[in-house]
Amino acid sequence: MDKNKNKSTADEKLFRQAIGDVVPLRSAATTSSKPPVTTKRRPASSTPVEPSRAHDFITVHTDGGHNDSTHRKDGVQKKVLQKLKRGRFGVGDQLDLHQITTKSGSRALFQFIDQAQNMGFKCVRIIHGKGLRSAHGPRLKIMVRQLLSTHSQVLAYAVCKPGQGGEGAVDVLLKSR
C-alpha cells in the first residue's frame, strides 16, 4: 500500500510541476445547480426567405425611441422579465446578424423566429452587434429592437449579460405554439 501511496504522491508532484501555478476559476456554471445551456450559432442566411409579414422594409429611426434595453408586452409579469434579464431561461438557438443590411436582417429575423417557434424554443438570442464600427450608427441594433417590440410572437426581450454579448445582443422570450 505504501508503494501505491508513494507512486500517487510522485505523480501528483510531477503533475503540479507540469501545470505550474494555477488558480481555479469561479464561474456561474460551477456554482449553479442548473445544467449548462448549449446553443447553436447560426449565421444569418445569405439568401433569406421572404417573411410572411408585410414588413418588407423597415425604416430605422435613430432618435433613441426604440433603443430600450428591455421590453415586455402587456400581460407579461415583471418577474418574467427579471428572469429573462438574469439569464434564467435556457437559450435554445441564436442568430448572428453581424455584417448584413437592415433589410436582409429583418427577413432573417422573421424567418428565425418562425423556425425557433416551430422547434419549440421558448427563448432565443439575437446577436446584432453594438454598431460601434458602423458609419451609420447602430442601425441593426435599433432595427432588431423595433421589430421585436412589435412582433406578435415576442413576449419580451432583454439585453444579454456582458459575458453573453452585452449591449450587442438580446435574449428574446417567445410565445408557445
N, C-alpha and C. Protein backbone atom coordinates (compact mmCIF):
# COMPACT_ATOMS: atom_id res chain seq x y z
N MET A 1 0.81 -1.18 0.00
CA MET A 1 0.00 0.00 0.00
C MET A 1 0.86 1.26 0.00
N ASP A 2 2.01 1.22 0.73
CA ASP A 2 2.91 2.36 0.74
C ASP A 2 3.48 2.64 -0.64
N LYS A 3 3.69 1.56 -1.43
CA LYS A 3 4.22 1.72 -2.78
C LYS A 3 3.24 2.52 -3.65
N ASN A 4 1.93 2.23 -3.53
CA ASN A 4 0.91 2.98 -4.29
C ASN A 4 0.81 4.42 -3.81
N LYS A 5 0.95 4.61 -2.49
CA LYS A 5 0.88 5.96 -1.94
C LYS A 5 2.05 6.81 -2.42
N ASN A 6 3.25 6.23 -2.42
CA ASN A 6 4.43 6.95 -2.92
C ASN A 6 4.30 7.26 -4.40
N LYS A 7 3.74 6.28 -5.16
CA LYS A 7 3.56 6.49 -6.59
C LYS A 7 2.58 7.62 -6.87
N SER A 8 1.46 7.67 -6.12
CA SER A 8 0.48 8.72 -6.33
C SER A 8 1.03 10.08 -5.90
N THR A 9 1.84 10.10 -4.83
CA THR A 9 2.46 11.35 -4.40
C THR A 9 3.45 11.85 -5.45
N ALA A 10 4.23 10.94 -6.01
CA ALA A 10 5.19 11.31 -7.05
C ALA A 10 4.47 11.80 -8.29
N ASP A 11 3.39 11.10 -8.66
CA ASP A 11 2.59 11.53 -9.82
C ASP A 11 1.99 12.91 -9.59
N GLU A 12 1.49 13.14 -8.37
CA GLU A 12 0.90 14.43 -8.07
C GLU A 12 1.95 15.54 -8.15
N LYS A 13 3.15 15.29 -7.63
CA LYS A 13 4.23 16.29 -7.70
C LYS A 13 4.60 16.58 -9.15
N LEU A 14 4.68 15.51 -9.95
CA LEU A 14 5.01 15.69 -11.36
C LEU A 14 3.91 16.48 -12.08
N PHE A 15 2.66 16.17 -11.76
CA PHE A 15 1.54 16.89 -12.35
C PHE A 15 1.57 18.37 -11.97
N ARG A 16 1.74 18.66 -10.69
CA ARG A 16 1.79 20.05 -10.22
C ARG A 16 2.95 20.80 -10.86
N GLN A 17 4.07 20.12 -11.04
CA GLN A 17 5.24 20.75 -11.66
C GLN A 17 4.95 21.08 -13.13
N ALA A 18 4.23 20.18 -13.80
CA ALA A 18 3.95 20.37 -15.22
C ALA A 18 2.97 21.51 -15.46
N ILE A 19 1.97 21.66 -14.60
CA ILE A 19 0.97 22.70 -14.85
C ILE A 19 1.34 24.04 -14.24
N GLY A 20 2.27 24.06 -13.32
CA GLY A 20 2.69 25.33 -12.72
C GLY A 20 1.66 25.86 -11.74
N ASP A 21 1.75 27.15 -11.45
CA ASP A 21 0.83 27.78 -10.52
C ASP A 21 -0.46 28.15 -11.23
N VAL A 22 -1.53 27.52 -10.83
CA VAL A 22 -2.84 27.82 -11.41
C VAL A 22 -3.82 28.12 -10.29
N VAL A 23 -4.83 28.89 -10.63
CA VAL A 23 -5.88 29.23 -9.68
C VAL A 23 -7.19 28.76 -10.28
N PRO A 24 -8.00 28.00 -9.53
CA PRO A 24 -9.29 27.56 -10.08
C PRO A 24 -10.19 28.75 -10.39
N LEU A 25 -10.91 28.64 -11.50
CA LEU A 25 -11.86 29.68 -11.89
C LEU A 25 -13.15 29.50 -11.12
N ARG A 26 -13.73 30.60 -10.72
CA ARG A 26 -15.06 30.56 -10.10
C ARG A 26 -16.02 31.04 -11.16
N SER A 27 -16.90 30.19 -11.59
CA SER A 27 -17.84 30.58 -12.62
C SER A 27 -19.25 30.23 -12.18
N ALA A 28 -20.21 30.89 -12.83
CA ALA A 28 -21.62 30.63 -12.53
C ALA A 28 -21.98 29.20 -12.88
N ALA A 29 -21.29 28.62 -13.87
CA ALA A 29 -21.61 27.26 -14.30
C ALA A 29 -21.25 26.25 -13.21
N THR A 30 -20.20 26.51 -12.45
CA THR A 30 -19.81 25.55 -11.41
C THR A 30 -20.59 25.74 -10.13
N THR A 31 -21.11 26.93 -9.90
CA THR A 31 -21.85 27.18 -8.67
C THR A 31 -23.35 27.02 -8.86
N SER A 32 -23.80 26.95 -10.09
CA SER A 32 -25.23 26.85 -10.36
C SER A 32 -25.69 25.40 -10.33
N SER A 33 -26.91 25.19 -9.89
CA SER A 33 -27.47 23.84 -9.89
C SER A 33 -28.12 23.51 -11.23
N LYS A 34 -28.24 24.52 -12.11
CA LYS A 34 -28.85 24.30 -13.41
C LYS A 34 -27.82 23.70 -14.36
N PRO A 35 -28.24 22.85 -15.29
CA PRO A 35 -27.30 22.31 -16.27
C PRO A 35 -26.89 23.42 -17.23
N PRO A 36 -25.68 23.31 -17.81
CA PRO A 36 -25.24 24.35 -18.74
C PRO A 36 -26.13 24.37 -19.98
N VAL A 37 -26.30 25.55 -20.54
CA VAL A 37 -27.13 25.74 -21.71
C VAL A 37 -26.28 25.58 -22.94
N THR A 38 -26.71 24.76 -23.86
CA THR A 38 -25.99 24.60 -25.11
C THR A 38 -26.73 25.38 -26.18
N THR A 39 -25.98 26.10 -26.97
CA THR A 39 -26.60 26.88 -28.03
C THR A 39 -25.90 26.59 -29.34
N LYS A 40 -26.62 26.78 -30.39
CA LYS A 40 -26.04 26.67 -31.72
C LYS A 40 -25.84 28.08 -32.24
N ARG A 41 -24.76 28.30 -32.91
CA ARG A 41 -24.51 29.61 -33.52
C ARG A 41 -24.91 29.50 -34.97
N ARG A 42 -25.93 30.23 -35.34
CA ARG A 42 -26.43 30.18 -36.69
C ARG A 42 -26.24 31.55 -37.33
N PRO A 43 -25.42 31.63 -38.38
CA PRO A 43 -25.26 32.91 -39.06
C PRO A 43 -26.51 33.26 -39.84
N ALA A 44 -26.68 34.52 -40.10
CA ALA A 44 -27.82 34.95 -40.89
C ALA A 44 -27.71 34.36 -42.29
N SER A 45 -28.81 33.94 -42.82
CA SER A 45 -28.83 33.33 -44.14
C SER A 45 -28.47 34.37 -45.20
N SER A 46 -27.64 33.96 -46.17
CA SER A 46 -27.28 34.89 -47.23
C SER A 46 -28.41 35.02 -48.25
N THR A 47 -29.28 34.03 -48.30
CA THR A 47 -30.45 34.10 -49.17
C THR A 47 -31.69 33.90 -48.30
N PRO A 48 -32.08 34.97 -47.60
CA PRO A 48 -33.19 34.82 -46.68
C PRO A 48 -34.51 34.58 -47.39
N VAL A 49 -35.36 33.85 -46.72
CA VAL A 49 -36.70 33.59 -47.23
C VAL A 49 -37.55 34.81 -46.92
N GLU A 50 -38.41 35.16 -47.84
CA GLU A 50 -39.29 36.31 -47.63
C GLU A 50 -40.13 36.09 -46.38
N PRO A 51 -40.24 37.09 -45.51
CA PRO A 51 -41.08 36.93 -44.34
C PRO A 51 -42.55 36.86 -44.73
N SER A 52 -43.31 36.19 -43.90
CA SER A 52 -44.73 36.05 -44.19
C SER A 52 -45.51 37.28 -43.74
N ARG A 53 -44.81 38.28 -43.27
CA ARG A 53 -45.46 39.51 -42.81
C ARG A 53 -45.29 40.61 -43.84
N ALA A 54 -45.93 41.70 -43.62
CA ALA A 54 -45.88 42.81 -44.58
C ALA A 54 -44.70 43.74 -44.32
N HIS A 55 -43.72 43.33 -43.50
CA HIS A 55 -42.56 44.16 -43.19
C HIS A 55 -41.46 43.92 -44.20
N ASP A 56 -41.60 44.45 -45.39
CA ASP A 56 -40.59 44.21 -46.41
C ASP A 56 -39.39 45.12 -46.21
N PHE A 57 -39.62 46.32 -45.73
CA PHE A 57 -38.52 47.23 -45.45
C PHE A 57 -38.83 47.98 -44.18
N ILE A 58 -37.84 48.10 -43.34
CA ILE A 58 -38.01 48.74 -42.05
C ILE A 58 -37.27 50.07 -42.05
N THR A 59 -37.96 51.14 -41.73
CA THR A 59 -37.32 52.42 -41.56
C THR A 59 -36.74 52.48 -40.16
N VAL A 60 -35.46 52.77 -40.08
CA VAL A 60 -34.79 52.80 -38.79
C VAL A 60 -34.66 54.23 -38.32
N HIS A 61 -35.19 54.51 -37.17
CA HIS A 61 -35.10 55.83 -36.57
C HIS A 61 -34.02 55.80 -35.51
N THR A 62 -33.13 56.76 -35.53
CA THR A 62 -32.04 56.78 -34.57
C THR A 62 -32.28 57.82 -33.48
N ASP A 63 -33.53 58.07 -33.17
CA ASP A 63 -33.83 59.07 -32.15
C ASP A 63 -33.79 58.49 -30.74
N GLY A 64 -33.47 57.18 -30.61
CA GLY A 64 -33.38 56.56 -29.29
C GLY A 64 -34.71 56.05 -28.78
N GLY A 65 -35.78 56.25 -29.49
CA GLY A 65 -37.09 55.83 -29.02
C GLY A 65 -37.23 54.33 -28.88
N HIS A 66 -36.54 53.56 -29.73
CA HIS A 66 -36.63 52.11 -29.67
C HIS A 66 -35.30 51.50 -29.25
N ASN A 67 -34.51 52.24 -28.51
CA ASN A 67 -33.21 51.76 -28.10
C ASN A 67 -33.23 51.26 -26.66
N ASP A 68 -34.39 50.83 -26.19
CA ASP A 68 -34.51 50.36 -24.82
C ASP A 68 -33.77 49.05 -24.65
N SER A 69 -33.29 48.82 -23.45
CA SER A 69 -32.56 47.57 -23.18
C SER A 69 -33.50 46.43 -22.83
N THR A 70 -34.74 46.74 -22.44
CA THR A 70 -35.73 45.70 -22.16
C THR A 70 -37.08 46.12 -22.70
N HIS A 71 -37.91 45.11 -22.93
CA HIS A 71 -39.27 45.37 -23.38
C HIS A 71 -40.11 44.16 -22.98
N ARG A 72 -41.34 44.42 -22.55
CA ARG A 72 -42.28 43.34 -22.29
C ARG A 72 -43.65 43.77 -22.76
N LYS A 73 -44.38 42.81 -23.28
CA LYS A 73 -45.73 43.08 -23.76
C LYS A 73 -46.68 43.14 -22.58
N ASP A 74 -47.84 43.76 -22.80
CA ASP A 74 -48.87 43.78 -21.77
C ASP A 74 -49.24 42.34 -21.41
N GLY A 75 -49.40 42.09 -20.13
CA GLY A 75 -49.75 40.76 -19.67
C GLY A 75 -48.55 39.93 -19.24
N VAL A 76 -47.35 40.36 -19.59
CA VAL A 76 -46.14 39.64 -19.17
C VAL A 76 -45.71 40.23 -17.83
N GLN A 77 -45.57 39.38 -16.83
CA GLN A 77 -45.25 39.84 -15.49
C GLN A 77 -43.82 40.39 -15.42
N LYS A 78 -43.62 41.33 -14.50
CA LYS A 78 -42.30 41.91 -14.29
C LYS A 78 -41.30 40.84 -13.86
N LYS A 79 -41.76 39.85 -13.09
CA LYS A 79 -40.88 38.77 -12.64
C LYS A 79 -40.33 37.97 -13.81
N VAL A 80 -41.14 37.80 -14.84
CA VAL A 80 -40.71 37.06 -16.03
C VAL A 80 -39.60 37.85 -16.73
N LEU A 81 -39.77 39.16 -16.84
CA LEU A 81 -38.74 39.99 -17.45
C LEU A 81 -37.45 39.95 -16.62
N GLN A 82 -37.58 39.96 -15.31
CA GLN A 82 -36.40 39.88 -14.44
C GLN A 82 -35.66 38.56 -14.66
N LYS A 83 -36.41 37.46 -14.79
CA LYS A 83 -35.79 36.16 -15.06
C LYS A 83 -35.05 36.18 -16.39
N LEU A 84 -35.64 36.83 -17.38
CA LEU A 84 -35.01 36.93 -18.69
C LEU A 84 -33.73 37.75 -18.60
N LYS A 85 -33.78 38.87 -17.89
CA LYS A 85 -32.60 39.73 -17.73
C LYS A 85 -31.46 39.00 -17.01
N ARG A 86 -31.82 38.13 -16.08
CA ARG A 86 -30.81 37.40 -15.31
C ARG A 86 -30.33 36.13 -16.00
N GLY A 87 -30.87 35.86 -17.17
CA GLY A 87 -30.43 34.68 -17.92
C GLY A 87 -30.95 33.37 -17.39
N ARG A 88 -32.12 33.38 -16.78
CA ARG A 88 -32.67 32.17 -16.17
C ARG A 88 -33.39 31.25 -17.17
N PHE A 89 -33.64 31.74 -18.39
CA PHE A 89 -34.24 30.91 -19.42
C PHE A 89 -33.12 30.33 -20.27
N GLY A 90 -33.19 29.05 -20.55
CA GLY A 90 -32.20 28.43 -21.42
C GLY A 90 -32.37 28.91 -22.85
N VAL A 91 -31.30 29.35 -23.46
CA VAL A 91 -31.35 29.85 -24.84
C VAL A 91 -31.29 28.66 -25.77
N GLY A 92 -32.33 28.49 -26.56
CA GLY A 92 -32.43 27.35 -27.45
C GLY A 92 -31.62 27.48 -28.72
N ASP A 93 -31.50 28.67 -29.25
CA ASP A 93 -30.80 28.90 -30.51
C ASP A 93 -30.42 30.37 -30.57
N GLN A 94 -29.52 30.71 -31.47
CA GLN A 94 -29.15 32.11 -31.63
C GLN A 94 -28.92 32.45 -33.09
N LEU A 95 -29.13 33.71 -33.39
CA LEU A 95 -28.97 34.23 -34.75
C LEU A 95 -27.96 35.36 -34.71
N ASP A 96 -26.95 35.28 -35.57
CA ASP A 96 -25.92 36.32 -35.63
C ASP A 96 -26.18 37.18 -36.87
N LEU A 97 -26.45 38.46 -36.66
CA LEU A 97 -26.77 39.37 -37.75
C LEU A 97 -25.61 40.29 -38.13
N HIS A 98 -24.42 40.03 -37.63
CA HIS A 98 -23.28 40.88 -37.96
C HIS A 98 -23.07 40.97 -39.47
N GLN A 99 -22.69 42.13 -39.92
CA GLN A 99 -22.28 42.38 -41.31
C GLN A 99 -23.37 42.20 -42.36
N ILE A 100 -24.65 42.37 -42.00
CA ILE A 100 -25.69 42.31 -43.02
C ILE A 100 -26.51 43.59 -42.97
N THR A 101 -27.29 43.82 -43.99
CA THR A 101 -28.08 45.04 -44.07
C THR A 101 -29.33 44.92 -43.20
N THR A 102 -29.96 46.05 -42.95
CA THR A 102 -31.18 46.01 -42.14
C THR A 102 -32.30 45.30 -42.89
N LYS A 103 -32.34 45.43 -44.19
CA LYS A 103 -33.41 44.78 -44.96
C LYS A 103 -33.27 43.26 -44.91
N SER A 104 -32.10 42.73 -45.18
CA SER A 104 -31.93 41.28 -45.12
C SER A 104 -31.95 40.80 -43.67
N GLY A 105 -31.53 41.66 -42.74
CA GLY A 105 -31.58 41.31 -41.32
C GLY A 105 -33.01 41.15 -40.83
N SER A 106 -33.92 42.01 -41.30
CA SER A 106 -35.31 41.88 -40.87
C SER A 106 -35.92 40.60 -41.40
N ARG A 107 -35.59 40.24 -42.64
CA ARG A 107 -36.09 38.99 -43.20
C ARG A 107 -35.55 37.79 -42.42
N ALA A 108 -34.26 37.83 -42.15
CA ALA A 108 -33.64 36.73 -41.40
C ALA A 108 -34.23 36.62 -40.00
N LEU A 109 -34.52 37.75 -39.38
CA LEU A 109 -35.09 37.75 -38.04
C LEU A 109 -36.48 37.11 -38.02
N PHE A 110 -37.34 37.48 -38.97
CA PHE A 110 -38.67 36.88 -39.06
C PHE A 110 -38.58 35.37 -39.30
N GLN A 111 -37.72 34.98 -40.20
CA GLN A 111 -37.55 33.56 -40.51
C GLN A 111 -37.04 32.81 -39.28
N PHE A 112 -36.08 33.39 -38.58
CA PHE A 112 -35.50 32.75 -37.40
C PHE A 112 -36.55 32.56 -36.30
N ILE A 113 -37.36 33.58 -36.06
CA ILE A 113 -38.39 33.47 -35.02
C ILE A 113 -39.40 32.38 -35.38
N ASP A 114 -39.80 32.32 -36.65
CA ASP A 114 -40.73 31.26 -37.08
C ASP A 114 -40.12 29.88 -36.87
N GLN A 115 -38.86 29.72 -37.26
CA GLN A 115 -38.19 28.42 -37.11
C GLN A 115 -38.03 28.06 -35.63
N ALA A 116 -37.67 29.03 -34.82
CA ALA A 116 -37.48 28.78 -33.39
C ALA A 116 -38.79 28.33 -32.74
N GLN A 117 -39.88 28.96 -33.12
CA GLN A 117 -41.18 28.56 -32.57
C GLN A 117 -41.56 27.16 -33.05
N ASN A 118 -41.30 26.87 -34.31
CA ASN A 118 -41.60 25.54 -34.83
C ASN A 118 -40.80 24.46 -34.12
N MET A 119 -39.61 24.80 -33.67
CA MET A 119 -38.76 23.85 -32.95
C MET A 119 -39.09 23.81 -31.46
N GLY A 120 -39.99 24.68 -31.03
CA GLY A 120 -40.44 24.67 -29.64
C GLY A 120 -39.55 25.43 -28.67
N PHE A 121 -38.69 26.31 -29.19
CA PHE A 121 -37.82 27.10 -28.31
C PHE A 121 -38.62 28.21 -27.65
N LYS A 122 -38.40 28.38 -26.36
CA LYS A 122 -39.08 29.43 -25.61
C LYS A 122 -38.23 30.70 -25.57
N CYS A 123 -36.91 30.54 -25.60
CA CYS A 123 -36.01 31.68 -25.52
C CYS A 123 -34.91 31.54 -26.57
N VAL A 124 -34.64 32.62 -27.29
CA VAL A 124 -33.58 32.64 -28.29
C VAL A 124 -32.75 33.91 -28.11
N ARG A 125 -31.57 33.90 -28.71
CA ARG A 125 -30.69 35.07 -28.63
C ARG A 125 -30.48 35.63 -30.04
N ILE A 126 -30.58 36.95 -30.14
CA ILE A 126 -30.31 37.66 -31.39
C ILE A 126 -29.05 38.49 -31.16
N ILE A 127 -28.03 38.23 -31.95
CA ILE A 127 -26.78 38.98 -31.86
C ILE A 127 -26.78 39.99 -33.00
N HIS A 128 -26.85 41.26 -32.65
CA HIS A 128 -26.93 42.31 -33.66
C HIS A 128 -25.70 43.18 -33.68
N GLY A 129 -24.87 43.11 -32.67
CA GLY A 129 -23.69 43.95 -32.58
C GLY A 129 -24.04 45.29 -31.96
N LYS A 130 -23.01 46.03 -31.64
CA LYS A 130 -23.21 47.33 -30.98
C LYS A 130 -23.25 48.48 -31.97
N GLY A 131 -22.77 48.26 -33.18
CA GLY A 131 -22.76 49.31 -34.19
C GLY A 131 -21.67 50.33 -33.99
N LEU A 132 -20.63 49.98 -33.25
CA LEU A 132 -19.56 50.94 -32.96
C LEU A 132 -18.69 51.25 -34.18
N ARG A 133 -18.54 50.28 -35.07
CA ARG A 133 -17.69 50.48 -36.26
C ARG A 133 -18.48 50.88 -37.49
N SER A 134 -19.77 51.03 -37.34
CA SER A 134 -20.62 51.37 -38.48
C SER A 134 -20.58 52.87 -38.74
N ALA A 135 -20.52 53.23 -40.00
CA ALA A 135 -20.53 54.64 -40.39
C ALA A 135 -21.89 55.27 -40.14
N HIS A 136 -22.92 54.44 -40.07
CA HIS A 136 -24.30 54.94 -39.92
C HIS A 136 -24.86 54.71 -38.52
N GLY A 137 -24.04 54.29 -37.59
CA GLY A 137 -24.52 54.07 -36.23
C GLY A 137 -25.10 52.67 -36.05
N PRO A 138 -25.72 52.43 -34.92
CA PRO A 138 -26.22 51.09 -34.59
C PRO A 138 -27.55 50.75 -35.24
N ARG A 139 -27.59 50.75 -36.56
CA ARG A 139 -28.85 50.51 -37.28
C ARG A 139 -29.45 49.14 -37.00
N LEU A 140 -28.61 48.10 -37.04
CA LEU A 140 -29.13 46.75 -36.79
C LEU A 140 -29.69 46.63 -35.38
N LYS A 141 -28.99 47.20 -34.44
CA LYS A 141 -29.42 47.16 -33.04
C LYS A 141 -30.80 47.80 -32.89
N ILE A 142 -30.98 48.94 -33.47
CA ILE A 142 -32.25 49.66 -33.38
C ILE A 142 -33.35 48.92 -34.14
N MET A 143 -33.01 48.43 -35.33
CA MET A 143 -33.99 47.70 -36.14
C MET A 143 -34.47 46.46 -35.41
N VAL A 144 -33.55 45.69 -34.82
CA VAL A 144 -33.91 44.47 -34.12
C VAL A 144 -34.87 44.79 -32.98
N ARG A 145 -34.56 45.81 -32.22
CA ARG A 145 -35.40 46.15 -31.07
C ARG A 145 -36.76 46.69 -31.49
N GLN A 146 -36.81 47.41 -32.61
CA GLN A 146 -38.10 47.87 -33.13
C GLN A 146 -38.96 46.68 -33.53
N LEU A 147 -38.37 45.76 -34.29
CA LEU A 147 -39.13 44.60 -34.76
C LEU A 147 -39.58 43.72 -33.61
N LEU A 148 -38.70 43.50 -32.64
CA LEU A 148 -39.07 42.64 -31.52
C LEU A 148 -40.18 43.25 -30.68
N SER A 149 -40.15 44.57 -30.51
CA SER A 149 -41.18 45.20 -29.67
C SER A 149 -42.55 45.18 -30.34
N THR A 150 -42.61 45.02 -31.66
CA THR A 150 -43.89 44.99 -32.36
C THR A 150 -44.27 43.60 -32.86
N HIS A 151 -43.37 42.64 -32.78
CA HIS A 151 -43.63 41.29 -33.31
C HIS A 151 -44.68 40.60 -32.44
N SER A 152 -45.67 40.01 -33.08
CA SER A 152 -46.79 39.40 -32.35
C SER A 152 -46.39 38.15 -31.57
N GLN A 153 -45.31 37.49 -31.92
CA GLN A 153 -44.90 36.26 -31.25
C GLN A 153 -43.86 36.47 -30.17
N VAL A 154 -43.44 37.72 -29.96
CA VAL A 154 -42.44 38.04 -28.95
C VAL A 154 -43.13 38.55 -27.69
N LEU A 155 -42.85 37.91 -26.57
CA LEU A 155 -43.42 38.34 -25.29
C LEU A 155 -42.56 39.41 -24.63
N ALA A 156 -41.23 39.23 -24.71
CA ALA A 156 -40.32 40.17 -24.05
C ALA A 156 -38.93 39.99 -24.62
N TYR A 157 -38.08 41.01 -24.42
CA TYR A 157 -36.66 40.87 -24.72
C TYR A 157 -35.87 41.66 -23.70
N ALA A 158 -34.61 41.26 -23.53
CA ALA A 158 -33.72 41.93 -22.59
C ALA A 158 -32.30 41.82 -23.11
N VAL A 159 -31.53 42.87 -22.87
CA VAL A 159 -30.12 42.88 -23.24
C VAL A 159 -29.42 41.76 -22.49
N CYS A 160 -28.48 41.10 -23.15
CA CYS A 160 -27.75 40.00 -22.54
C CYS A 160 -26.77 40.50 -21.49
N LYS A 161 -26.31 39.59 -20.67
CA LYS A 161 -25.27 39.89 -19.70
C LYS A 161 -23.97 40.19 -20.45
N PRO A 162 -23.05 40.93 -19.84
CA PRO A 162 -21.81 41.28 -20.54
C PRO A 162 -21.04 40.09 -21.13
N GLY A 163 -20.99 38.98 -20.45
CA GLY A 163 -20.27 37.82 -20.95
C GLY A 163 -20.99 37.09 -22.07
N GLN A 164 -22.22 37.47 -22.36
CA GLN A 164 -23.01 36.78 -23.38
C GLN A 164 -23.37 37.70 -24.55
N GLY A 165 -22.70 38.82 -24.64
CA GLY A 165 -22.95 39.74 -25.75
C GLY A 165 -23.26 41.15 -25.30
N GLY A 166 -23.68 41.34 -24.07
CA GLY A 166 -23.96 42.66 -23.54
C GLY A 166 -24.91 43.45 -24.41
N GLU A 167 -24.58 44.70 -24.67
CA GLU A 167 -25.43 45.58 -25.47
C GLU A 167 -25.50 45.17 -26.94
N GLY A 168 -24.68 44.20 -27.34
CA GLY A 168 -24.68 43.75 -28.73
C GLY A 168 -25.59 42.57 -29.00
N ALA A 169 -26.37 42.17 -28.00
CA ALA A 169 -27.26 41.01 -28.18
C ALA A 169 -28.46 41.12 -27.24
N VAL A 170 -29.54 40.47 -27.62
CA VAL A 170 -30.73 40.42 -26.77
C VAL A 170 -31.23 38.98 -26.68
N ASP A 171 -31.72 38.63 -25.50
CA ASP A 171 -32.43 37.37 -25.31
C ASP A 171 -33.91 37.67 -25.50
N VAL A 172 -34.58 36.80 -26.23
CA VAL A 172 -35.97 37.03 -26.63
C VAL A 172 -36.84 35.89 -26.11
N LEU A 173 -37.91 36.24 -25.43
CA LEU A 173 -38.87 35.25 -24.93
C LEU A 173 -40.01 35.17 -25.93
N LEU A 174 -40.28 33.96 -26.43
CA LEU A 174 -41.29 33.76 -27.47
C LEU A 174 -42.55 33.13 -26.90
N LYS A 175 -43.67 33.38 -27.58
CA LYS A 175 -44.92 32.71 -27.24
C LYS A 175 -44.80 31.24 -27.60
N SER A 176 -45.53 30.42 -26.87
CA SER A 176 -45.57 28.99 -27.18
C SER A 176 -46.62 28.77 -28.27
N ARG A 177 -46.34 27.82 -29.13
CA ARG A 177 -47.32 27.48 -30.18
C ARG A 177 -48.15 26.33 -29.76
